[in-house]
Structures are given as C-alpha cells and as structure tokens.
Amino acid sequence: MQTQPDVKFKVPAKLYRIGEIIRHTPFTRQTIHNYTTMGLIQESDWTEGGHRLYDESVFERLWRIQELRKTKTLSEIRDLFSQEAIGEHMS
C-alpha cells in the first residue's frame, strides 16, 4: 500500500481594498486614508495599479481605534500603539 506524502498548501491571506473595508465598517475612505497616513493602520501590500491592500487584522485594529476614540485622541491612540509595538519587540 502506497502512502500519500504529507503535502500542505500555504493559503494566501485575503487582502482587502479600501472599498471593501468601508463597506464592512462605519469608516469613510478618507478616514482609512488618514489612519494609514498617521500610522494607526498599515497596508499589507499594493496592487500593480498602486492601490493599498490591507490584511484581515485591519478590522480588529479599526474596531479598537473606534473603542479608544471614546476616551482618547488620535494622537494618544498613536502613542499607545507605538508603546505597544515597542513592548512587543522587547519581549
């Protein structure tokens, strides 16, 4: 009896254009652009035509920004995210 080799496929992560993100969140195209420019969210890749693409983690990050906006300014949120990133690199 012949056994099958252990083959695993790497499934590419789904990437989202800004239009898809704004359809599934309360944010506008301009807000997504501003948050990217401020460094609150990051694009994961670019299309050949130069459009930003975001991975699935952008939805959680946007939800978190929305929650933090209830008590913090965007500058405070950016500082918080920067501190968290430094903490992740240190551990």
PDB file of N, CA and C in Angstrom:
ATOM      1  N   MET A   1       0.834  -1.179   0.000  1.00  0.00           N
ATOM      2  CA  MET A   1       0.000   0.000   0.000  1.00  0.00           C
ATOM      3  C   MET A   1       0.885   1.250   0.000  1.00  0.00           C
ATOM      4  N   GLN A   2       0.570   2.164  -0.879  1.00  0.00           N
ATOM      5  CA  GLN A   2       1.360   3.382  -1.033  1.00  0.00           C
ATOM      6  C   GLN A   2       0.757   4.494  -0.177  1.00  0.00           C
ATOM      7  N   THR A   3       1.607   5.232   0.547  1.00  0.00           N
ATOM      8  CA  THR A   3       1.107   6.333   1.378  1.00  0.00           C
ATOM      9  C   THR A   3       1.249   7.647   0.646  1.00  0.00           C
ATOM     10  N   GLN A   4       0.374   8.562   0.970  1.00  0.00           N
ATOM     11  CA  GLN A   4       0.404   9.893   0.375  1.00  0.00           C
ATOM     12  C   GLN A   4       1.469  10.726   1.084  1.00  0.00           C
ATOM     13  N   PRO A   5       2.220  11.513   0.346  1.00  0.00           N
ATOM     14  CA  PRO A   5       3.181  12.405   1.001  1.00  0.00           C
ATOM     15  C   PRO A   5       2.430  13.460   1.815  1.00  0.00           C
ATOM     16  N   ASP A   6       3.090  13.957   2.859  1.00  0.00           N
ATOM     17  CA  ASP A   6       2.486  14.986   3.704  1.00  0.00           C
ATOM     18  C   ASP A   6       2.601  16.329   2.995  1.00  0.00           C
ATOM     19  N   VAL A   7       1.566  16.677   2.234  1.00  0.00           N
ATOM     20  CA  VAL A   7       1.572  17.911   1.452  1.00  0.00           C
ATOM     21  C   VAL A   7       0.693  18.943   2.157  1.00  0.00           C
ATOM     22  N   LYS A   8       1.256  20.112   2.338  1.00  0.00           N
ATOM     23  CA  LYS A   8       0.486  21.206   2.932  1.00  0.00           C
ATOM     24  C   LYS A   8       0.545  22.381   1.987  1.00  0.00           C
ATOM     25  N   PHE A   9      -0.592  23.022   1.827  1.00  0.00           N
ATOM     26  CA  PHE A   9      -0.673  24.185   0.962  1.00  0.00           C
ATOM     27  C   PHE A   9      -0.674  25.439   1.813  1.00  0.00           C
ATOM     28  N   LYS A  10       0.035  26.424   1.361  1.00  0.00           N
ATOM     29  CA  LYS A  10       0.006  27.713   2.036  1.00  0.00           C
ATOM     30  C   LYS A  10      -1.079  28.542   1.362  1.00  0.00           C
ATOM     31  N   VAL A  11      -2.156  28.739   2.092  1.00  0.00           N
ATOM     32  CA  VAL A  11      -3.280  29.504   1.561  1.00  0.00           C
ATOM     33  C   VAL A  11      -2.976  30.985   1.777  1.00  0.00           C
ATOM     34  N   PRO A  12      -2.991  31.753   0.712  1.00  0.00           N
ATOM     35  CA  PRO A  12      -2.690  33.181   0.883  1.00  0.00           C
ATOM     36  C   PRO A  12      -3.783  33.876   1.692  1.00  0.00           C
ATOM     37  N   ALA A  13      -3.354  34.820   2.512  1.00  0.00           N
ATOM     38  CA  ALA A  13      -4.308  35.585   3.310  1.00  0.00           C
ATOM     39  C   ALA A  13      -5.137  36.472   2.383  1.00  0.00           C
ATOM     40  N   LYS A  14      -6.371  36.676   2.748  1.00  0.00           N
ATOM     41  CA  LYS A  14      -7.243  37.565   1.984  1.00  0.00           C
ATOM     42  C   LYS A  14      -6.787  38.993   2.216  1.00  0.00           C
ATOM     43  N   LEU A  15      -6.640  39.734   1.153  1.00  0.00           N
ATOM     44  CA  LEU A  15      -6.293  41.141   1.235  1.00  0.00           C
ATOM     45  C   LEU A  15      -7.479  41.974   0.776  1.00  0.00           C
ATOM     46  N   TYR A  16      -7.694  43.098   1.441  1.00  0.00           N
ATOM     47  CA  TYR A  16      -8.864  43.938   1.201  1.00  0.00           C
ATOM     48  C   TYR A  16      -8.466  45.306   0.670  1.00  0.00           C
ATOM     49  N   ARG A  17      -9.204  45.772  -0.317  1.00  0.00           N
ATOM     50  CA  ARG A  17      -9.056  47.144  -0.796  1.00  0.00           C
ATOM     51  C   ARG A  17      -9.851  48.055   0.135  1.00  0.00           C
ATOM     52  N   ILE A  18      -9.558  49.333   0.073  1.00  0.00           N
ATOM     53  CA  ILE A  18     -10.258  50.296   0.929  1.00  0.00           C
ATOM     54  C   ILE A  18     -11.771  50.211   0.722  1.00  0.00           C
ATOM     55  N   GLY A  19     -12.220  50.052  -0.512  1.00  0.00           N
ATOM     56  CA  GLY A  19     -13.651  49.963  -0.783  1.00  0.00           C
ATOM     57  C   GLY A  19     -14.322  48.827  -0.040  1.00  0.00           C
ATOM     58  N   GLU A  20     -13.638  47.694   0.074  1.00  0.00           N
ATOM     59  CA  GLU A  20     -14.198  46.561   0.814  1.00  0.00           C
ATOM     60  C   GLU A  20     -14.246  46.859   2.309  1.00  0.00           C
ATOM     61  N   ILE A  21     -13.252  47.552   2.798  1.00  0.00           N
ATOM     62  CA  ILE A  21     -13.207  47.876   4.225  1.00  0.00           C
ATOM     63  C   ILE A  21     -14.345  48.830   4.585  1.00  0.00           C
ATOM     64  N   ILE A  22     -14.560  49.856   3.757  1.00  0.00           N
ATOM     65  CA  ILE A  22     -15.603  50.820   4.100  1.00  0.00           C
ATOM     66  C   ILE A  22     -17.009  50.223   3.971  1.00  0.00           C
ATOM     67  N   ARG A  23     -17.153  49.172   3.170  1.00  0.00           N
ATOM     68  CA  ARG A  23     -18.459  48.502   3.076  1.00  0.00           C
ATOM     69  C   ARG A  23     -18.788  47.726   4.352  1.00  0.00           C
ATOM     70  N   HIS A  24     -17.748  47.307   5.070  1.00  0.00           N
ATOM     71  CA  HIS A  24     -17.957  46.453   6.246  1.00  0.00           C
ATOM     72  C   HIS A  24     -17.679  47.153   7.567  1.00  0.00           C
ATOM     73  N   THR A  25     -17.394  48.437   7.523  1.00  0.00           N
ATOM     74  CA  THR A  25     -17.116  49.206   8.740  1.00  0.00           C
ATOM     75  C   THR A  25     -17.830  50.568   8.634  1.00  0.00           C
ATOM     76  N   PRO A  26     -17.895  51.296   9.738  1.00  0.00           N
ATOM     77  CA  PRO A  26     -18.528  52.624   9.682  1.00  0.00           C
ATOM     78  C   PRO A  26     -17.578  53.725   9.206  1.00  0.00           C
ATOM     79  N   PHE A  27     -16.392  53.375   8.752  1.00  0.00           N
ATOM     80  CA  PHE A  27     -15.384  54.365   8.382  1.00  0.00           C
ATOM     81  C   PHE A  27     -15.495  54.773   6.918  1.00  0.00           C
ATOM     82  N   THR A  28     -15.099  56.007   6.640  1.00  0.00           N
ATOM     83  CA  THR A  28     -15.080  56.505   5.264  1.00  0.00           C
ATOM     84  C   THR A  28     -13.727  56.227   4.626  1.00  0.00           C
ATOM     85  N   ARG A  29     -13.689  56.379   3.326  1.00  0.00           N
ATOM     86  CA  ARG A  29     -12.442  56.227   2.569  1.00  0.00           C
ATOM     87  C   ARG A  29     -11.387  57.212   3.089  1.00  0.00           C
ATOM     88  N   GLN A  30     -11.809  58.443   3.347  1.00  0.00           N
ATOM     89  CA  GLN A  30     -10.879  59.467   3.836  1.00  0.00           C
ATOM     90  C   GLN A  30     -10.328  59.098   5.211  1.00  0.00           C
ATOM     91  N   THR A  31     -11.172  58.555   6.081  1.00  0.00           N
ATOM     92  CA  THR A  31     -10.719  58.152   7.417  1.00  0.00           C
ATOM     93  C   THR A  31      -9.689  57.032   7.318  1.00  0.00           C
ATOM     94  N   ILE A  32      -9.943  56.052   6.466  1.00  0.00           N
ATOM     95  CA  ILE A  32      -8.979  54.957   6.282  1.00  0.00           C
ATOM     96  C   ILE A  32      -7.660  55.524   5.773  1.00  0.00           C
ATOM     97  N   HIS A  33      -7.728  56.433   4.823  1.00  0.00           N
ATOM     98  CA  HIS A  33      -6.517  57.070   4.299  1.00  0.00           C
ATOM     99  C   HIS A  33      -5.789  57.832   5.415  1.00  0.00           C
ATOM    100  N   ASN A  34      -6.534  58.610   6.207  1.00  0.00           N
ATOM    101  CA  ASN A  34      -5.920  59.376   7.294  1.00  0.00           C
ATOM    102  C   ASN A  34      -5.278  58.467   8.333  1.00  0.00           C
ATOM    103  N   TYR A  35      -5.964  57.402   8.707  1.00  0.00           N
ATOM    104  CA  TYR A  35      -5.420  56.470   9.699  1.00  0.00           C
ATOM    105  C   TYR A  35      -4.148  55.803   9.175  1.00  0.00           C
ATOM    106  N   THR A  36      -4.105  55.520   7.870  1.00  0.00           N
ATOM    107  CA  THR A  36      -2.909  54.932   7.276  1.00  0.00           C
ATOM    108  C   THR A  36      -1.768  55.940   7.306  1.00  0.00           C
ATOM    109  N   THR A  37      -2.054  57.171   6.918  1.00  0.00           N
ATOM    110  CA  THR A  37      -1.042  58.225   6.908  1.00  0.00           C
ATOM    111  C   THR A  37      -0.493  58.476   8.313  1.00  0.00           C
ATOM    112  N   MET A  38      -1.365  58.418   9.313  1.00  0.00           N
ATOM    113  CA  MET A  38      -0.962  58.641  10.710  1.00  0.00           C
ATOM    114  C   MET A  38      -0.224  57.446  11.301  1.00  0.00           C
ATOM    115  N   GLY A  39      -0.287  56.300  10.634  1.00  0.00           N
ATOM    116  CA  GLY A  39       0.367  55.106  11.159  1.00  0.00           C
ATOM    117  C   GLY A  39      -0.493  54.301  12.117  1.00  0.00           C
ATOM    118  N   LEU A  40      -1.786  54.617  12.181  1.00  0.00           N
ATOM    119  CA  LEU A  40      -2.680  53.849  13.054  1.00  0.00           C
ATOM    120  C   LEU A  40      -2.987  52.473  12.467  1.00  0.00           C
ATOM    121  N   ILE A  41      -3.046  52.398  11.151  1.00  0.00           N
ATOM    122  CA  ILE A  41      -3.185  51.114  10.448  1.00  0.00           C
ATOM    123  C   ILE A  41      -2.128  51.088   9.352  1.00  0.00           C
ATOM    124  N   GLN A  42      -1.810  49.883   8.892  1.00  0.00           N
ATOM    125  CA  GLN A  42      -0.787  49.749   7.853  1.00  0.00           C
ATOM    126  C   GLN A  42      -1.299  48.881   6.719  1.00  0.00           C
ATOM    127  N   GLU A  43      -0.942  49.297   5.518  1.00  0.00           N
ATOM    128  CA  GLU A  43      -1.265  48.455   4.385  1.00  0.00           C
ATOM    129  C   GLU A  43      -0.329  47.241   4.412  1.00  0.00           C
ATOM    130  N   SER A  44      -0.821  46.125   3.871  1.00  0.00           N
ATOM    131  CA  SER A  44      -0.025  44.901   3.819  1.00  0.00           C
ATOM    132  C   SER A  44       0.666  44.738   2.476  1.00  0.00           C
ATOM    133  N   ASP A  45       0.097  45.344   1.461  1.00  0.00           N
ATOM    134  CA  ASP A  45       0.631  45.182   0.111  1.00  0.00           C
ATOM    135  C   ASP A  45       0.020  46.269  -0.765  1.00  0.00           C
ATOM    136  N   TRP A  46       0.410  46.262  -2.015  1.00  0.00           N
ATOM    137  CA  TRP A  46      -0.113  47.209  -3.002  1.00  0.00           C
ATOM    138  C   TRP A  46      -0.495  46.437  -4.257  1.00  0.00           C
ATOM    139  N   THR A  47      -1.523  46.906  -4.961  1.00  0.00           N
ATOM    140  CA  THR A  47      -1.858  46.319  -6.258  1.00  0.00           C
ATOM    141  C   THR A  47      -0.860  46.840  -7.281  1.00  0.00           C
ATOM    142  N   GLU A  48      -0.852  46.243  -8.450  1.00  0.00           N
ATOM    143  CA  GLU A  48       0.019  46.727  -9.523  1.00  0.00           C
ATOM    144  C   GLU A  48      -0.346  48.153  -9.909  1.00  0.00           C
ATOM    145  N   GLY A  49      -1.603  48.518  -9.725  1.00  0.00           N
ATOM    146  CA  GLY A  49      -2.058  49.865 -10.047  1.00  0.00           C
ATOM    147  C   GLY A  49      -1.796  50.885  -8.945  1.00  0.00           C
ATOM    148  N   GLY A  50      -1.173  50.453  -7.841  1.00  0.00           N
ATOM    149  CA  GLY A  50      -0.815  51.374  -6.779  1.00  0.00           C
ATOM    150  C   GLY A  50      -1.862  51.567  -5.695  1.00  0.00           C
ATOM    151  N   HIS A  51      -2.839  50.664  -5.617  1.00  0.00           N
ATOM    152  CA  HIS A  51      -3.861  50.762  -4.570  1.00  0.00           C
ATOM    153  C   HIS A  51      -3.410  49.987  -3.341  1.00  0.00           C
ATOM    154  N   ARG A  52      -3.719  50.535  -2.175  1.00  0.00           N
ATOM    155  CA  ARG A  52      -3.367  49.876  -0.925  1.00  0.00           C
ATOM    156  C   ARG A  52      -4.225  48.633  -0.713  1.00  0.00           C
ATOM    157  N   LEU A  53      -3.598  47.618  -0.116  1.00  0.00           N
ATOM    158  CA  LEU A  53      -4.295  46.404   0.285  1.00  0.00           C
ATOM    159  C   LEU A  53      -4.023  46.168   1.766  1.00  0.00           C
ATOM    160  N   TYR A  54      -5.047  45.775   2.487  1.00  0.00           N
ATOM    161  CA  TYR A  54      -4.949  45.551   3.922  1.00  0.00           C
ATOM    162  C   TYR A  54      -5.294  44.100   4.231  1.00  0.00           C
ATOM    163  N   ASP A  55      -4.642  43.531   5.259  1.00  0.00           N
ATOM    164  CA  ASP A  55      -4.979  42.153   5.629  1.00  0.00           C
ATOM    165  C   ASP A  55      -6.133  42.164   6.634  1.00  0.00           C
ATOM    166  N   GLU A  56      -6.548  40.976   7.047  1.00  0.00           N
ATOM    167  CA  GLU A  56      -7.729  40.829   7.906  1.00  0.00           C
ATOM    168  C   GLU A  56      -7.588  41.532   9.248  1.00  0.00           C
ATOM    169  N   SER A  57      -6.347  41.706   9.719  1.00  0.00           N
ATOM    170  CA  SER A  57      -6.136  42.322  11.033  1.00  0.00           C
ATOM    171  C   SER A  57      -6.601  43.774  11.070  1.00  0.00           C
ATOM    172  N   VAL A  58      -6.789  44.396   9.909  1.00  0.00           N
ATOM    173  CA  VAL A  58      -7.216  45.797   9.879  1.00  0.00           C
ATOM    174  C   VAL A  58      -8.588  45.970  10.530  1.00  0.00           C
ATOM    175  N   PHE A  59      -9.443  44.962  10.445  1.00  0.00           N
ATOM    176  CA  PHE A  59     -10.786  45.084  11.020  1.00  0.00           C
ATOM    177  C   PHE A  59     -10.725  45.151  12.550  1.00  0.00           C
ATOM    178  N   GLU A  60      -9.894  44.316  13.144  1.00  0.00           N
ATOM    179  CA  GLU A  60      -9.734  44.353  14.595  1.00  0.00           C
ATOM    180  C   GLU A  60      -9.101  45.676  15.029  1.00  0.00           C
ATOM    181  N   ARG A  61      -8.123  46.127  14.270  1.00  0.00           N
ATOM    182  CA  ARG A  61      -7.443  47.385  14.597  1.00  0.00           C
ATOM    183  C   ARG A  61      -8.423  48.557  14.505  1.00  0.00           C
ATOM    184  N   LEU A  62      -9.263  48.586  13.472  1.00  0.00           N
ATOM    185  CA  LEU A  62     -10.249  49.657  13.331  1.00  0.00           C
ATOM    186  C   LEU A  62     -11.275  49.619  14.458  1.00  0.00           C
ATOM    187  N   TRP A  63     -11.690  48.428  14.848  1.00  0.00           N
ATOM    188  CA  TRP A  63     -12.627  48.300  15.965  1.00  0.00           C
ATOM    189  C   TRP A  63     -11.996  48.864  17.224  1.00  0.00           C
ATOM    190  N   ARG A  64     -10.720  48.536  17.435  1.00  0.00           N
ATOM    191  CA  ARG A  64     -10.013  49.011  18.617  1.00  0.00           C
ATOM    192  C   ARG A  64      -9.881  50.545  18.599  1.00  0.00           C
ATOM    193  N   ILE A  65      -9.560  51.094  17.450  1.00  0.00           N
ATOM    194  CA  ILE A  65      -9.478  52.558  17.325  1.00  0.00           C
ATOM    195  C   ILE A  65     -10.822  53.180  17.664  1.00  0.00           C
ATOM    196  N   GLN A  66     -11.894  52.599  17.135  1.00  0.00           N
ATOM    197  CA  GLN A  66     -13.241  53.124  17.405  1.00  0.00           C
ATOM    198  C   GLN A  66     -13.536  53.116  18.903  1.00  0.00           C
ATOM    199  N   GLU A  67     -13.171  52.050  19.594  1.00  0.00           N
ATOM    200  CA  GLU A  67     -13.399  51.964  21.035  1.00  0.00           C
ATOM    201  C   GLU A  67     -12.536  52.974  21.789  1.00  0.00           C
ATOM    202  N   LEU A  68     -11.275  53.088  21.422  1.00  0.00           N
ATOM    203  CA  LEU A  68     -10.371  54.028  22.091  1.00  0.00           C
ATOM    204  C   LEU A  68     -10.768  55.481  21.859  1.00  0.00           C
ATOM    205  N   ARG A  69     -11.383  55.766  20.706  1.00  0.00           N
ATOM    206  CA  ARG A  69     -11.806  57.142  20.379  1.00  0.00           C
ATOM    207  C   ARG A  69     -12.850  57.666  21.357  1.00  0.00           C
ATOM    208  N   LYS A  70     -13.476  56.786  22.090  1.00  0.00           N
ATOM    209  CA  LYS A  70     -14.473  57.210  23.076  1.00  0.00           C
ATOM    210  C   LYS A  70     -13.821  57.999  24.213  1.00  0.00           C
ATOM    211  N   THR A  71     -12.530  57.736  24.464  1.00  0.00           N
ATOM    212  CA  THR A  71     -11.854  58.386  25.593  1.00  0.00           C
ATOM    213  C   THR A  71     -10.507  59.002  25.235  1.00  0.00           C
ATOM    214  N   LYS A  72     -10.008  58.755  24.010  1.00  0.00           N
ATOM    215  CA  LYS A  72      -8.669  59.227  23.651  1.00  0.00           C
ATOM    216  C   LYS A  72      -8.679  59.961  22.311  1.00  0.00           C
ATOM    217  N   THR A  73      -7.679  60.834  22.143  1.00  0.00           N
ATOM    218  CA  THR A  73      -7.492  61.496  20.855  1.00  0.00           C
ATOM    219  C   THR A  73      -6.730  60.555  19.925  1.00  0.00           C
ATOM    220  N   LEU A  74      -6.707  60.884  18.641  1.00  0.00           N
ATOM    221  CA  LEU A  74      -5.950  60.062  17.688  1.00  0.00           C
ATOM    222  C   LEU A  74      -4.459  60.074  18.021  1.00  0.00           C
ATOM    223  N   SER A  75      -3.937  61.200  18.480  1.00  0.00           N
ATOM    224  CA  SER A  75      -2.526  61.276  18.870  1.00  0.00           C
ATOM    225  C   SER A  75      -2.238  60.360  20.054  1.00  0.00           C
ATOM    226  N   GLU A  76      -3.149  60.330  21.013  1.00  0.00           N
ATOM    227  CA  GLU A  76      -2.973  59.440  22.170  1.00  0.00           C
ATOM    228  C   GLU A  76      -3.029  57.975  21.742  1.00  0.00           C
ATOM    229  N   ILE A  77      -3.913  57.672  20.809  1.00  0.00           N
ATOM    230  CA  ILE A  77      -4.023  56.292  20.302  1.00  0.00           C
ATOM    231  C   ILE A  77      -2.739  55.909  19.569  1.00  0.00           C
ATOM    232  N   ARG A  78      -2.227  56.818  18.755  1.00  0.00           N
ATOM    233  CA  ARG A  78      -0.987  56.549  18.033  1.00  0.00           C
ATOM    234  C   ARG A  78       0.159  56.296  19.020  1.00  0.00           C
ATOM    235  N   ASP A  79       0.241  57.099  20.074  1.00  0.00           N
ATOM    236  CA  ASP A  79       1.274  56.900  21.099  1.00  0.00           C
ATOM    237  C   ASP A  79       1.106  55.553  21.791  1.00  0.00           C
ATOM    238  N   LEU A  80      -0.122  55.185  22.103  1.00  0.00           N
ATOM    239  CA  LEU A  80      -0.400  53.901  22.734  1.00  0.00           C
ATOM    240  C   LEU A  80       0.045  52.749  21.840  1.00  0.00           C
ATOM    241  N   PHE A  81      -0.311  52.816  20.556  1.00  0.00           N
ATOM    242  CA  PHE A  81       0.085  51.767  19.618  1.00  0.00           C
ATOM    243  C   PHE A  81       1.606  51.697  19.485  1.00  0.00           C
ATOM    244  N   SER A  82       2.269  52.843  19.498  1.00  0.00           N
ATOM    245  CA  SER A  82       3.734  52.869  19.415  1.00  0.00           C
ATOM    246  C   SER A  82       4.360  52.205  20.632  1.00  0.00           C
ATOM    247  N   GLN A  83       3.827  52.509  21.808  1.00  0.00           N
ATOM    248  CA  GLN A  83       4.328  51.894  23.038  1.00  0.00           C
ATOM    249  C   GLN A  83       4.117  50.385  23.021  1.00  0.00           C
ATOM    250  N   GLU A  84       2.961  49.948  22.530  1.00  0.00           N
ATOM    251  CA  GLU A  84       2.683  48.513  22.445  1.00  0.00           C
ATOM    252  C   GLU A  84       3.650  47.823  21.487  1.00  0.00           C
ATOM    253  N   ALA A  85       3.951  48.473  20.369  1.00  0.00           N
ATOM    254  CA  ALA A  85       4.878  47.892  19.382  1.00  0.00           C
ATOM    255  C   ALA A  85       6.273  47.769  19.978  1.00  0.00           C
ATOM    256  N   ILE A  86       6.688  48.765  20.745  1.00  0.00           N
ATOM    257  CA  ILE A  86       8.000  48.708  21.392  1.00  0.00           C
ATOM    258  C   ILE A  86       8.022  47.560  22.398  1.00  0.00           C
ATOM    259  N   GLY A  87       6.951  47.427  23.142  1.00  0.00           N
ATOM    260  CA  GLY A  87       6.843  46.329  24.117  1.00  0.00           C
ATOM    261  C   GLY A  87       6.898  44.959  23.468  1.00  0.00           C
ATOM    262  N   GLU A  88       6.281  44.830  22.292  1.00  0.00           N
ATOM    263  CA  GLU A  88       6.305  43.548  21.572  1.00  0.00           C
ATOM    264  C   GLU A  88       7.705  43.211  21.098  1.00  0.00           C
ATOM    265  N   HIS A  89       8.442  44.216  20.660  1.00  0.00           N
ATOM    266  CA  HIS A  89       9.803  43.986  20.172  1.00  0.00           C
ATOM    267  C   HIS A  89      10.765  43.656  21.303  1.00  0.00           C
ATOM    268  N   MET A  90      10.463  44.138  22.511  1.00  0.00           N
ATOM    269  CA  MET A  90      11.336  43.913  23.657  1.00  0.00           C
ATOM    270  C   MET A  90      11.161  42.511  24.230  1.00  0.00           C
ATOM    271  N   SER A  91       9.970  41.923  24.027  1.00  0.00           N
ATOM    272  CA  SER A  91       9.714  40.599  24.627  1.00  0.00           C
ATOM    273  C   SER A  91      10.069  39.468  23.711  1.00  0.00           C
TER     274      SER A  91
END
